[in-house]
Amino acid sequence: MKPVYYSIKNIMKKNNIPIAFTFDDNYALPAAIAIKSLMESKKKDTQYEIYCLFHHLSDRNRRLLDTIAPINWIDTEKDIFADAPVTSEYPISVYYRLALHDILTQHDTILYSDVDVLFQ
């Protein structure tokens, strides 16, 4: 039997792509740049359903990011990963990607991206 290969385009609902980011106040500026580049490089008929999982993200930064794109904000409980090692370079928010399937249960498939990227 010949194997079946699926592209991400076939998996997602047509032109509606859920994508998640995780960050805190220390990475708000890179997140803004990543999300802005995502929105500016998308095709006209593509819609992104953006989810931002956060802990320790100020209301000011959320309001500023909301001016770039509509965002679904999810304040994640810190104690989910209470025993995980953290540093200033690797805050607790880096672990939230591991819980995406438990948090965003309405999606069978979701893209995850770090915030230190540019989309083209």
C-alpha atoms as a PDB file:
ATOM      1  CA  MET A   1       0.000   0.000   0.000  1.00  0.00           C
ATOM      2  CA  LYS A   2       1.304   3.432  -0.950  1.00  0.00           C
ATOM      3  CA  PRO A   3       1.779   5.829   2.026  1.00  0.00           C
ATOM      4  CA  VAL A   4      -0.471   8.879   2.226  1.00  0.00           C
ATOM      5  CA  TYR A   5       1.194  12.218   2.836  1.00  0.00           C
ATOM      6  CA  TYR A   6      -0.682  15.215   4.195  1.00  0.00           C
ATOM      7  CA  SER A   7       0.380  18.787   3.756  1.00  0.00           C
ATOM      8  CA  ILE A   8      -0.377  21.338   6.455  1.00  0.00           C
ATOM      9  CA  LYS A   9      -2.641  23.052   3.896  1.00  0.00           C
ATOM     10  CA  ASN A  10      -4.849  19.944   3.723  1.00  0.00           C
ATOM     11  CA  ILE A  11      -4.962  19.486   7.473  1.00  0.00           C
ATOM     12  CA  MET A  12      -6.111  23.009   8.354  1.00  0.00           C
ATOM     13  CA  LYS A  13      -9.571  24.296   7.581  1.00  0.00           C
ATOM     14  CA  LYS A  14      -9.383  26.026   4.275  1.00  0.00           C
ATOM     15  CA  ASN A  15      -7.680  29.390   4.721  1.00  0.00           C
ATOM     16  CA  ASN A  16      -8.200  29.475   8.509  1.00  0.00           C
ATOM     17  CA  ILE A  17      -4.987  28.592  10.297  1.00  0.00           C
ATOM     18  CA  PRO A  18      -4.711  28.456  14.094  1.00  0.00           C
ATOM     19  CA  ILE A  19      -1.263  29.478  15.336  1.00  0.00           C
ATOM     20  CA  ALA A  20       0.032  29.793  18.888  1.00  0.00           C
ATOM     21  CA  PHE A  21       2.806  31.782  20.526  1.00  0.00           C
ATOM     22  CA  THR A  22       3.997  31.707  24.135  1.00  0.00           C
ATOM     23  CA  PHE A  23       5.863  34.585  25.769  1.00  0.00           C
ATOM     24  CA  ASP A  24       6.034  37.053  28.655  1.00  0.00           C
ATOM     25  CA  ASP A  25       6.820  40.776  28.982  1.00  0.00           C
ATOM     26  CA  ASN A  26      10.494  40.152  28.232  1.00  0.00           C
ATOM     27  CA  TYR A  27       9.589  38.923  24.738  1.00  0.00           C
ATOM     28  CA  ALA A  28       6.698  41.280  23.922  1.00  0.00           C
ATOM     29  CA  LEU A  29       8.705  43.250  21.337  1.00  0.00           C
ATOM     30  CA  PRO A  30       9.891  40.145  19.413  1.00  0.00           C
ATOM     31  CA  ALA A  31       6.309  38.826  19.597  1.00  0.00           C
ATOM     32  CA  ALA A  32       5.001  42.054  18.088  1.00  0.00           C
ATOM     33  CA  ILE A  33       7.517  41.834  15.244  1.00  0.00           C
ATOM     34  CA  ALA A  34       6.739  38.156  14.585  1.00  0.00           C
ATOM     35  CA  ILE A  35       2.969  38.693  14.593  1.00  0.00           C
ATOM     36  CA  LYS A  36       3.241  41.804  12.414  1.00  0.00           C
ATOM     37  CA  SER A  37       5.390  39.933   9.878  1.00  0.00           C
ATOM     38  CA  LEU A  38       2.877  37.048   9.930  1.00  0.00           C
ATOM     39  CA  MET A  39      -0.004  39.402   9.174  1.00  0.00           C
ATOM     40  CA  GLU A  40       1.862  41.356   6.500  1.00  0.00           C
ATOM     41  CA  SER A  41       3.041  38.258   4.632  1.00  0.00           C
ATOM     42  CA  LYS A  42      -0.231  36.310   4.606  1.00  0.00           C
ATOM     43  CA  LYS A  43      -2.239  35.722   1.487  1.00  0.00           C
ATOM     44  CA  LYS A  44      -5.332  37.855   1.089  1.00  0.00           C
ATOM     45  CA  ASP A  45      -7.728  34.919   1.587  1.00  0.00           C
ATOM     46  CA  THR A  46      -5.865  33.445   4.581  1.00  0.00           C
ATOM     47  CA  GLN A  47      -7.014  34.073   8.124  1.00  0.00           C
ATOM     48  CA  TYR A  48      -4.912  33.315  11.184  1.00  0.00           C
ATOM     49  CA  GLU A  49      -6.547  32.456  14.461  1.00  0.00           C
ATOM     50  CA  ILE A  50      -3.804  33.697  16.784  1.00  0.00           C
ATOM     51  CA  TYR A  51      -3.463  32.369  20.321  1.00  0.00           C
ATOM     52  CA  CYS A  52      -0.986  33.870  22.761  1.00  0.00           C
ATOM     53  CA  LEU A  53      -0.367  31.898  25.931  1.00  0.00           C
ATOM     54  CA  PHE A  54       1.224  34.059  28.589  1.00  0.00           C
ATOM     55  CA  HIS A  55       2.046  34.613  32.219  1.00  0.00           C
ATOM     56  CA  HIS A  56       3.392  37.950  33.393  1.00  0.00           C
ATOM     57  CA  LEU A  57       2.354  39.976  30.377  1.00  0.00           C
ATOM     58  CA  SER A  58       1.186  43.507  31.132  1.00  0.00           C
ATOM     59  CA  ASP A  59      -2.160  44.894  30.033  1.00  0.00           C
ATOM     60  CA  ARG A  60      -0.241  47.595  28.148  1.00  0.00           C
ATOM     61  CA  ASN A  61       1.665  45.042  26.080  1.00  0.00           C
ATOM     62  CA  ARG A  62      -1.533  43.107  25.340  1.00  0.00           C
ATOM     63  CA  ARG A  63      -3.276  46.283  24.184  1.00  0.00           C
ATOM     64  CA  LEU A  64      -0.326  47.162  21.940  1.00  0.00           C
ATOM     65  CA  LEU A  65      -0.276  43.670  20.421  1.00  0.00           C
ATOM     66  CA  ASP A  66      -4.040  43.853  19.870  1.00  0.00           C
ATOM     67  CA  THR A  67      -3.424  46.793  17.522  1.00  0.00           C
ATOM     68  CA  ILE A  68      -1.415  44.493  15.238  1.00  0.00           C
ATOM     69  CA  ALA A  69      -3.892  41.619  14.948  1.00  0.00           C
ATOM     70  CA  PRO A  70      -6.904  40.077  16.691  1.00  0.00           C
ATOM     71  CA  ILE A  71      -5.426  37.835  19.390  1.00  0.00           C
ATOM     72  CA  ASN A  72      -6.983  35.209  21.635  1.00  0.00           C
ATOM     73  CA  TRP A  73      -5.253  35.754  24.988  1.00  0.00           C
ATOM     74  CA  ILE A  74      -4.830  32.803  27.336  1.00  0.00           C
ATOM     75  CA  ASP A  75      -3.411  33.532  30.778  1.00  0.00           C
ATOM     76  CA  THR A  76      -1.843  30.199  31.631  1.00  0.00           C
ATOM     77  CA  GLU A  77      -1.572  28.975  35.177  1.00  0.00           C
ATOM     78  CA  LYS A  78       2.043  29.061  36.294  1.00  0.00           C
ATOM     79  CA  ASP A  79       1.657  25.987  38.494  1.00  0.00           C
ATOM     80  CA  ILE A  80       1.108  23.722  35.463  1.00  0.00           C
ATOM     81  CA  PHE A  81       4.891  23.553  35.217  1.00  0.00           C
ATOM     82  CA  ALA A  82       5.769  24.490  38.797  1.00  0.00           C
ATOM     83  CA  ASP A  83       8.662  22.016  38.974  1.00  0.00           C
ATOM     84  CA  ALA A  84      10.166  22.923  35.606  1.00  0.00           C
ATOM     85  CA  PRO A  85      13.596  24.573  35.661  1.00  0.00           C
ATOM     86  CA  VAL A  86      13.516  28.238  34.612  1.00  0.00           C
ATOM     87  CA  THR A  87      16.138  30.892  33.910  1.00  0.00           C
ATOM     88  CA  SER A  88      15.998  34.430  32.596  1.00  0.00           C
ATOM     89  CA  GLU A  89      16.564  33.027  29.082  1.00  0.00           C
ATOM     90  CA  TYR A  90      14.025  30.216  29.527  1.00  0.00           C
ATOM     91  CA  PRO A  91      11.039  31.518  31.514  1.00  0.00           C
ATOM     92  CA  ILE A  92       8.074  29.357  32.476  1.00  0.00           C
ATOM     93  CA  SER A  93       6.245  30.444  29.308  1.00  0.00           C
ATOM     94  CA  VAL A  94       8.562  28.331  27.110  1.00  0.00           C
ATOM     95  CA  TYR A  95       6.881  25.224  28.553  1.00  0.00           C
ATOM     96  CA  TYR A  96       3.341  26.256  27.610  1.00  0.00           C
ATOM     97  CA  ARG A  97       3.805  24.868  24.095  1.00  0.00           C
ATOM     98  CA  LEU A  98       3.878  21.418  25.684  1.00  0.00           C
ATOM     99  CA  ALA A  99       0.299  21.883  26.907  1.00  0.00           C
ATOM    100  CA  LEU A 100      -1.223  23.278  23.702  1.00  0.00           C
ATOM    101  CA  HIS A 101      -3.196  20.089  23.016  1.00  0.00           C
ATOM    102  CA  ASP A 102      -4.747  20.295  26.504  1.00  0.00           C
ATOM    103  CA  ILE A 103      -5.493  24.023  26.364  1.00  0.00           C
ATOM    104  CA  LEU A 104      -6.716  24.428  22.769  1.00  0.00           C
ATOM    105  CA  THR A 105      -8.911  21.337  22.577  1.00  0.00           C
ATOM    106  CA  GLN A 106     -11.132  22.820  19.853  1.00  0.00           C
ATOM    107  CA  HIS A 107      -8.351  22.268  17.293  1.00  0.00           C
ATOM    108  CA  ASP A 108      -7.060  18.946  16.006  1.00  0.00           C
ATOM    109  CA  THR A 109      -3.997  20.673  14.557  1.00  0.00           C
ATOM    110  CA  ILE A 110      -2.365  23.939  15.520  1.00  0.00           C
ATOM    111  CA  LEU A 111       0.870  25.581  14.458  1.00  0.00           C
ATOM    112  CA  TYR A 112       3.269  26.760  17.110  1.00  0.00           C
ATOM    113  CA  SER A 113       5.943  29.375  16.557  1.00  0.00           C
ATOM    114  CA  ASP A 114       8.575  30.954  18.741  1.00  0.00           C
ATOM    115  CA  VAL A 115       8.491  34.745  18.727  1.00  0.00           C
ATOM    116  CA  ASP A 116      12.041  35.233  17.499  1.00  0.00           C
ATOM    117  CA  VAL A 117      11.080  34.660  13.854  1.00  0.00           C
ATOM    118  CA  LEU A 118      10.072  36.666  10.811  1.00  0.00           C
ATOM    119  CA  PHE A 119       7.434  35.309   8.460  1.00  0.00           C
ATOM    120  CA  GLN A 120       7.763  35.785   4.713  1.00  0.00           C
END
